[in-house]
């Protein structure tokens, strides 16, 4: 699996607890729809708490897993 650390643009909705749920995101000008969020984890990177989302989408008819 190829790991790229690059910024993305994301559209999300927030549940009643204030947790964002991704709907779509854009990488390199291409827009991908999130079909399923399979896991949400929390990590600490350089002293900052971040949430890691494991999402599944389709690219060219093939299911693809993304981490955001």
C-alpha atoms as a PDB file:
ATOM      1  CA  UNK A   1       0.000   0.000   0.000  1.00  0.00           C
ATOM      2  CA  UNK A   2       1.306   3.444  -0.941  1.00  0.00           C
ATOM      3  CA  UNK A   3       1.100   6.079   1.817  1.00  0.00           C
ATOM      4  CA  UNK A   4       0.992   9.757   0.868  1.00  0.00           C
ATOM      5  CA  UNK A   5       0.984  12.539   3.451  1.00  0.00           C
ATOM      6  CA  UNK A   6      -0.664  15.423   1.634  1.00  0.00           C
ATOM      7  CA  UNK A   7      -3.438  17.849   2.507  1.00  0.00           C
ATOM      8  CA  UNK A   8      -6.929  17.186   1.163  1.00  0.00           C
ATOM      9  CA  UNK A   9     -10.197  19.118   1.000  1.00  0.00           C
ATOM     10  CA  UNK A  10     -13.149  17.358   2.634  1.00  0.00           C
ATOM     11  CA  UNK A  11     -16.907  17.827   2.944  1.00  0.00           C
ATOM     12  CA  UNK A  12     -18.326  16.334   6.142  1.00  0.00           C
ATOM     13  CA  UNK A  13     -21.392  16.369   8.348  1.00  0.00           C
ATOM     14  CA  UNK A  14     -21.230  16.441  12.139  1.00  0.00           C
ATOM     15  CA  UNK A  15     -23.224  14.219  14.488  1.00  0.00           C
ATOM     16  CA  UNK A  16     -24.747  15.450  17.772  1.00  0.00           C
ATOM     17  CA  UNK A  17     -21.469  14.774  19.624  1.00  0.00           C
ATOM     18  CA  UNK A  18     -19.546  17.005  17.165  1.00  0.00           C
ATOM     19  CA  UNK A  19     -17.710  14.151  15.456  1.00  0.00           C
ATOM     20  CA  UNK A  20     -17.164  14.810  11.715  1.00  0.00           C
ATOM     21  CA  UNK A  21     -18.278  12.153   9.223  1.00  0.00           C
ATOM     22  CA  UNK A  22     -16.692  12.496   5.757  1.00  0.00           C
ATOM     23  CA  UNK A  23     -18.951  12.583   2.690  1.00  0.00           C
ATOM     24  CA  UNK A  24     -16.588  13.550  -0.162  1.00  0.00           C
ATOM     25  CA  UNK A  25     -12.968  14.586  -0.493  1.00  0.00           C
ATOM     26  CA  UNK A  26     -10.714  16.034  -3.187  1.00  0.00           C
ATOM     27  CA  UNK A  27      -7.122  14.959  -3.879  1.00  0.00           C
ATOM     28  CA  UNK A  28      -5.127  16.388  -6.813  1.00  0.00           C
ATOM     29  CA  UNK A  29      -8.297  17.915  -8.298  1.00  0.00           C
ATOM     30  CA  UNK A  30     -10.209  14.589  -8.315  1.00  0.00           C
ATOM     31  CA  UNK A  31     -13.352  14.228  -6.175  1.00  0.00           C
ATOM     32  CA  UNK A  32     -14.075  10.911  -4.436  1.00  0.00           C
ATOM     33  CA  UNK A  33     -17.295   9.946  -2.665  1.00  0.00           C
ATOM     34  CA  UNK A  34     -16.905   8.097   0.639  1.00  0.00           C
ATOM     35  CA  UNK A  35     -18.998   4.921   0.502  1.00  0.00           C
ATOM     36  CA  UNK A  36     -18.159   3.579   3.964  1.00  0.00           C
ATOM     37  CA  UNK A  37     -16.198   4.618   7.066  1.00  0.00           C
ATOM     38  CA  UNK A  38     -14.859   1.408   8.561  1.00  0.00           C
ATOM     39  CA  UNK A  39     -12.712   2.721  11.421  1.00  0.00           C
ATOM     40  CA  UNK A  40     -11.983   5.961  13.302  1.00  0.00           C
ATOM     41  CA  UNK A  41      -8.883   6.131  15.481  1.00  0.00           C
ATOM     42  CA  UNK A  42      -7.109   8.909  17.331  1.00  0.00           C
ATOM     43  CA  UNK A  43      -3.352   9.531  17.307  1.00  0.00           C
ATOM     44  CA  UNK A  44      -0.974  12.139  18.609  1.00  0.00           C
ATOM     45  CA  UNK A  45       1.316  13.662  15.965  1.00  0.00           C
ATOM     46  CA  UNK A  46       3.866  16.309  17.008  1.00  0.00           C
ATOM     47  CA  UNK A  47       1.837  16.961  20.164  1.00  0.00           C
ATOM     48  CA  UNK A  48      -1.428  17.451  18.254  1.00  0.00           C
ATOM     49  CA  UNK A  49      -4.324  15.021  18.541  1.00  0.00           C
ATOM     50  CA  UNK A  50      -5.615  13.953  15.142  1.00  0.00           C
ATOM     51  CA  UNK A  51      -8.372  11.610  14.000  1.00  0.00           C
ATOM     52  CA  UNK A  52      -7.570   8.995  11.366  1.00  0.00           C
ATOM     53  CA  UNK A  53     -10.508   7.838   9.228  1.00  0.00           C
ATOM     54  CA  UNK A  54     -10.330   4.592   7.280  1.00  0.00           C
ATOM     55  CA  UNK A  55     -12.753   5.058   4.384  1.00  0.00           C
ATOM     56  CA  UNK A  56     -13.741   2.985   1.384  1.00  0.00           C
ATOM     57  CA  UNK A  57     -14.533   4.430  -2.024  1.00  0.00           C
ATOM     58  CA  UNK A  58     -14.597   3.245  -5.635  1.00  0.00           C
ATOM     59  CA  UNK A  59     -12.037   4.227  -8.235  1.00  0.00           C
ATOM     60  CA  UNK A  60     -12.567   2.826 -11.714  1.00  0.00           C
ATOM     61  CA  UNK A  61     -15.061   0.282 -10.359  1.00  0.00           C
ATOM     62  CA  UNK A  62     -12.518  -1.106  -7.859  1.00  0.00           C
ATOM     63  CA  UNK A  63     -13.060  -0.691  -4.099  1.00  0.00           C
ATOM     64  CA  UNK A  64     -10.194   1.355  -2.642  1.00  0.00           C
ATOM     65  CA  UNK A  65      -9.338   2.086   1.009  1.00  0.00           C
ATOM     66  CA  UNK A  66      -8.220   5.541   2.088  1.00  0.00           C
ATOM     67  CA  UNK A  67      -6.882   6.831   5.408  1.00  0.00           C
ATOM     68  CA  UNK A  68      -7.647  10.466   6.166  1.00  0.00           C
END
